Amino acid sequence: MTHWPIDWQNVWNNIEHVAIAYLLTTGIGWESEREGHSAGVRTFPIVGMASCGYLLLLSPHPDTAAQSRLLQGLITGIGFIGGGAILKDGATVKGTAAAASVWNAGVIGAAVAMDRYSVAVTLAFLNLFTLYALLPIKRRLDRKVDTNSD
């Protein structure tokens, strides 16, 4: 049942939250897509905004117990989605960083919904840093493993 009149301030507040979650996770998706991972530029923003949206459903007066149950469900569900990004190829496993990033995108969305912007921005920044800046180190280590196995 719709309650009239609509609280437009709350509507715009929710749109703002979802948009911030979307923007913070799009960069992570872009980087993942650029590296050819199975989860990418579409998956990450959807996970981020959906996580934000689920928690916003509890607004404007979140019950702590309900919030806890919802977070537990999100953690489980996002873990399942992230598991789909992991691919086994013979003796190697690929996609674990993408899977972890999907999980992180969910936390970013949840943090935004809970007005914990500093947590969300920090997680987004560190996720991007890890994917981008540490990739050359990972490639060097992978080459050493390949060289040693010959």
Protein backbone atom coordinates (compact mmCIF):
# COMPACT_ATOMS: atom_id res chain seq x y z
CA MET A 1 0.00 0.00 0.00
CA THR A 2 1.45 3.37 -1.00
CA HIS A 3 1.52 6.08 1.60
CA TRP A 4 0.70 9.54 0.26
CA PRO A 5 2.09 12.13 0.18
CA ILE A 6 5.48 10.83 -0.87
CA ASP A 7 8.40 11.96 1.27
CA TRP A 8 10.47 13.44 -1.59
CA GLN A 9 13.35 14.28 0.70
CA ASN A 10 13.66 10.59 1.57
CA VAL A 11 13.35 9.62 -2.12
CA TRP A 12 16.22 11.94 -3.09
CA ASN A 13 18.27 10.76 -0.10
CA ASN A 14 17.86 7.14 -1.26
CA ILE A 15 18.75 8.04 -4.84
CA GLU A 16 21.86 9.81 -3.58
CA HIS A 17 22.94 6.79 -1.54
CA VAL A 18 22.42 4.33 -4.39
CA ALA A 19 24.20 6.63 -6.88
CA ILE A 20 27.23 6.96 -4.58
CA ALA A 21 27.42 3.18 -4.13
CA TYR A 22 27.12 2.79 -7.90
CA LEU A 23 29.91 5.29 -8.62
CA LEU A 24 32.28 3.89 -5.99
CA THR A 25 31.98 0.36 -7.36
CA THR A 26 32.03 1.20 -11.08
CA GLY A 27 35.77 1.92 -11.02
CA ILE A 28 36.46 -1.47 -9.49
CA GLY A 29 34.33 -3.12 -12.15
CA TRP A 30 36.13 -1.18 -14.87
CA GLU A 31 39.52 -2.38 -13.66
CA SER A 32 38.31 -5.96 -13.35
CA GLU A 33 36.81 -5.86 -16.84
CA ARG A 34 40.03 -4.39 -18.25
CA GLU A 35 41.91 -7.39 -16.91
CA GLY A 36 39.45 -9.80 -18.53
CA HIS A 37 37.83 -11.18 -15.38
CA SER A 38 34.41 -12.79 -15.52
CA ALA A 39 32.91 -10.16 -13.22
CA GLY A 40 33.32 -6.61 -14.42
CA VAL A 41 31.89 -3.23 -15.24
CA ARG A 42 28.26 -4.36 -14.98
CA THR A 43 28.52 -6.75 -12.02
CA PHE A 44 30.28 -4.51 -9.52
CA PRO A 45 27.96 -1.49 -9.66
CA ILE A 46 24.92 -3.76 -9.50
CA VAL A 47 26.28 -5.53 -6.41
CA GLY A 48 27.15 -2.19 -4.79
CA MET A 49 23.83 -0.50 -5.42
CA ALA A 50 21.80 -3.62 -4.57
CA SER A 51 23.58 -3.98 -1.23
CA CYS A 52 22.94 -0.32 -0.55
CA GLY A 53 19.30 -0.73 -1.58
CA TYR A 54 18.71 -3.70 0.68
CA LEU A 55 19.93 -1.79 3.69
CA LEU A 56 17.99 1.31 2.70
CA LEU A 57 14.83 -0.79 2.92
CA LEU A 58 15.28 -0.65 6.68
CA SER A 59 15.28 3.17 6.64
CA PRO A 60 14.53 5.53 8.20
CA HIS A 61 14.50 3.69 11.55
CA PRO A 62 16.68 0.60 11.27
CA ASP A 63 16.15 -2.09 13.86
CA THR A 64 19.58 -3.38 14.95
CA ALA A 65 18.50 -7.03 14.92
CA ALA A 66 16.89 -6.71 11.47
CA GLN A 67 19.95 -4.89 10.17
CA SER A 68 22.19 -7.67 11.48
CA ARG A 69 20.10 -10.38 9.82
CA LEU A 70 20.07 -8.48 6.55
CA LEU A 71 23.84 -8.01 6.63
CA GLN A 72 24.31 -11.74 7.30
CA GLY A 73 22.16 -12.56 4.28
CA LEU A 74 24.04 -10.09 2.11
CA ILE A 75 27.39 -11.53 3.11
CA THR A 76 26.22 -15.02 2.20
CA GLY A 77 24.55 -14.01 -1.06
CA ILE A 78 27.44 -11.90 -2.29
CA GLY A 79 29.86 -14.69 -1.41
CA PHE A 80 27.82 -16.96 -3.66
CA ILE A 81 27.98 -14.45 -6.53
CA GLY A 82 31.72 -13.99 -6.00
CA GLY A 83 32.20 -17.75 -6.03
CA GLY A 84 30.92 -17.75 -9.59
CA ALA A 85 33.84 -15.53 -10.59
CA ILE A 86 36.39 -18.16 -9.54
CA LEU A 87 37.49 -20.42 -12.38
CA LYS A 88 39.59 -23.57 -12.08
CA ASP A 89 41.86 -24.29 -15.02
CA GLY A 90 43.80 -27.49 -14.45
CA ALA A 91 46.04 -26.95 -11.46
CA THR A 92 45.48 -23.18 -11.39
CA VAL A 93 42.65 -21.16 -9.94
CA LYS A 94 41.76 -17.77 -11.42
CA GLY A 95 39.36 -15.05 -10.42
CA THR A 96 39.93 -14.97 -6.68
CA ALA A 97 40.70 -11.24 -6.77
CA ALA A 98 37.51 -10.65 -8.77
CA ALA A 99 35.55 -12.72 -6.26
CA ALA A 100 37.02 -10.80 -3.33
CA SER A 101 36.30 -7.54 -5.13
CA VAL A 102 32.65 -8.52 -5.65
CA TRP A 103 32.39 -9.17 -1.92
CA ASN A 104 34.04 -5.82 -1.24
CA ALA A 105 31.59 -4.06 -3.61
CA GLY A 106 28.78 -5.37 -1.42
CA VAL A 107 30.42 -3.97 1.68
CA ILE A 108 30.91 -0.62 -0.07
CA GLY A 109 27.19 -0.48 -0.88
CA ALA A 110 26.26 -1.42 2.68
CA ALA A 111 28.62 1.20 4.11
CA VAL A 112 27.06 3.91 1.93
CA ALA A 113 23.56 2.88 3.05
CA MET A 114 24.69 3.16 6.66
CA ASP A 115 26.17 6.64 6.04
CA ARG A 116 29.69 5.29 6.60
CA TYR A 117 31.13 7.14 3.61
CA SER A 118 34.71 7.13 4.89
CA VAL A 119 34.59 3.33 5.08
CA ALA A 120 33.08 3.07 1.59
CA VAL A 121 35.60 5.44 -0.01
CA THR A 122 38.53 3.76 1.76
CA LEU A 123 37.42 0.30 0.63
CA ALA A 124 36.89 1.47 -2.95
CA PHE A 125 40.27 3.20 -3.08
CA LEU A 126 42.17 0.28 -1.58
CA ASN A 127 40.38 -2.21 -3.83
CA LEU A 128 41.35 -0.20 -6.92
CA PHE A 129 44.90 0.24 -5.65
CA THR A 130 45.22 -3.50 -5.06
CA LEU A 131 43.87 -4.42 -8.50
CA TYR A 132 45.86 -1.80 -10.40
CA ALA A 133 49.09 -1.09 -8.54
CA LEU A 134 49.83 -4.60 -7.32
CA LEU A 135 49.15 -6.29 -10.68
CA PRO A 136 52.77 -5.92 -11.93
CA ILE A 137 54.01 -7.59 -8.74
CA LYS A 138 51.54 -10.44 -9.19
CA ARG A 139 52.62 -10.93 -12.81
CA ARG A 140 56.30 -11.07 -11.77
CA LEU A 141 55.53 -13.62 -9.06
CA ASP A 142 53.47 -15.70 -11.51
CA ARG A 143 56.36 -15.70 -13.99
CA LYS A 144 58.74 -16.90 -11.25
CA VAL A 145 56.39 -19.76 -10.38
CA ASP A 146 56.08 -20.72 -14.08
CA THR A 147 59.87 -20.56 -14.50
CA ASN A 148 60.50 -22.68 -11.41
CA SER A 149 57.99 -25.35 -12.47
CA ASP A 150 59.85 -26.06 -15.75
